[in-house]
Amino acid sequence: MRIRIVPVVLAVLLLILQWQLWTGRGSMPDVRQLQAKLVEQKDSNARAALANERLASEVNDLKEGLEMVEERARQELGMVKPDEVFVQMTK
């Protein structure tokens, strides 16, 4: 009788493990679903990173843009700030 109990117990354990593999947490369908979510999240992160780069570029342009406008106004129009003296030298 003991000889027949061991294979039955092993078969039951094998069925339990197979059940966990196909339906439990970390099962094959669960892993596929998580992989799909991971790909979707990576795409979302890439889009967000691109948007962040664009915004950082716009902020940088706005910060430096005023200096560029001021420099161009000084060179092309001869504009000066208060308390400055404009001296133009020709070549």
Protein backbone atom coordinates (compact mmCIF):
# COMPACT_ATOMS: atom_id res chain seq x y z
CA MET A 1 0.00 0.00 0.00
CA ARG A 2 2.79 2.44 0.77
CA ILE A 3 4.25 1.89 -2.66
CA ARG A 4 1.03 3.17 -4.29
CA ILE A 5 0.72 6.20 -2.01
CA VAL A 6 4.06 7.73 -3.02
CA PRO A 7 3.28 7.97 -6.77
CA VAL A 8 -0.17 9.38 -6.00
CA VAL A 9 1.30 12.04 -3.70
CA LEU A 10 3.91 12.92 -6.32
CA ALA A 11 1.26 13.12 -9.04
CA VAL A 12 -0.88 15.41 -6.86
CA LEU A 13 2.13 17.64 -6.16
CA LEU A 14 2.90 17.75 -9.87
CA LEU A 15 -0.69 18.77 -10.63
CA ILE A 16 -0.57 21.49 -7.98
CA LEU A 17 2.66 22.86 -9.43
CA GLN A 18 1.24 22.78 -12.96
CA TRP A 19 -1.90 24.54 -11.73
CA GLN A 20 0.26 27.28 -10.20
CA LEU A 21 2.29 27.57 -13.40
CA TRP A 22 -0.76 28.13 -15.59
CA THR A 23 -3.13 30.05 -13.30
CA GLY A 24 -1.36 31.36 -10.20
CA ARG A 25 0.66 34.47 -9.51
CA GLY A 26 3.63 34.58 -11.87
CA SER A 27 1.87 32.25 -14.30
CA MET A 28 2.59 32.27 -18.00
CA PRO A 29 -0.42 34.47 -18.92
CA ASP A 30 0.39 36.78 -16.02
CA VAL A 31 3.98 37.16 -17.22
CA ARG A 32 2.82 37.93 -20.76
CA GLN A 33 0.42 40.57 -19.44
CA LEU A 34 3.18 42.15 -17.34
CA GLN A 35 5.55 42.17 -20.32
CA ALA A 36 2.91 43.98 -22.40
CA LYS A 37 2.46 46.54 -19.61
CA LEU A 38 6.22 46.98 -19.43
CA VAL A 39 6.47 47.71 -23.16
CA GLU A 40 3.59 50.18 -22.87
CA GLN A 41 5.23 51.90 -19.89
CA LYS A 42 8.58 52.15 -21.72
CA ASP A 43 6.83 53.79 -24.68
CA SER A 44 5.08 56.20 -22.33
CA ASN A 45 8.38 57.01 -20.62
CA ALA A 46 10.05 57.65 -23.98
CA ARG A 47 7.27 60.05 -25.00
CA ALA A 48 7.50 61.83 -21.64
CA ALA A 49 11.28 62.11 -21.95
CA LEU A 50 10.91 63.64 -25.42
CA ALA A 51 8.34 66.12 -24.11
CA ASN A 52 10.67 66.99 -21.23
CA GLU A 53 13.53 67.62 -23.66
CA ARG A 54 11.34 69.92 -25.74
CA LEU A 55 10.24 71.86 -22.68
CA ALA A 56 13.83 72.14 -21.41
CA SER A 57 14.87 73.43 -24.83
CA GLU A 58 12.07 76.01 -24.78
CA VAL A 59 13.04 77.15 -21.28
CA ASN A 60 16.67 77.42 -22.35
CA ASP A 61 15.69 79.42 -25.43
CA LEU A 62 13.59 81.76 -23.32
CA LYS A 63 16.42 82.28 -20.85
CA GLU A 64 19.04 82.88 -23.51
CA GLY A 65 16.66 84.49 -25.97
CA LEU A 66 16.54 87.78 -24.13
CA GLU A 67 20.31 88.01 -24.12
CA MET A 68 20.39 87.26 -27.82
CA VAL A 69 17.75 89.91 -28.54
CA GLU A 70 19.64 92.43 -26.41
CA GLU A 71 22.92 91.68 -28.17
CA ARG A 72 21.32 92.02 -31.60
CA ALA A 73 19.66 95.31 -30.60
CA ARG A 74 23.01 96.64 -29.40
CA GLN A 75 24.84 95.62 -32.59
CA GLU A 76 22.25 96.45 -35.23
CA LEU A 77 20.34 99.34 -33.65
CA GLY A 78 22.94 100.84 -31.35
CA MET A 79 20.68 100.54 -28.31
CA VAL A 80 22.18 101.08 -24.87
CA LYS A 81 21.09 100.54 -21.31
CA PRO A 82 20.61 103.46 -18.96
CA ASP A 83 23.93 104.76 -17.58
CA GLU A 84 25.86 103.33 -20.54
CA VAL A 85 27.76 105.22 -23.21
CA PHE A 86 27.58 104.00 -26.78
CA VAL A 87 30.81 104.17 -28.72
CA GLN A 88 30.83 103.00 -32.31
CA MET A 89 34.12 102.25 -34.00
CA THR A 90 34.39 101.81 -37.75
CA LYS A 91 37.04 99.77 -39.50
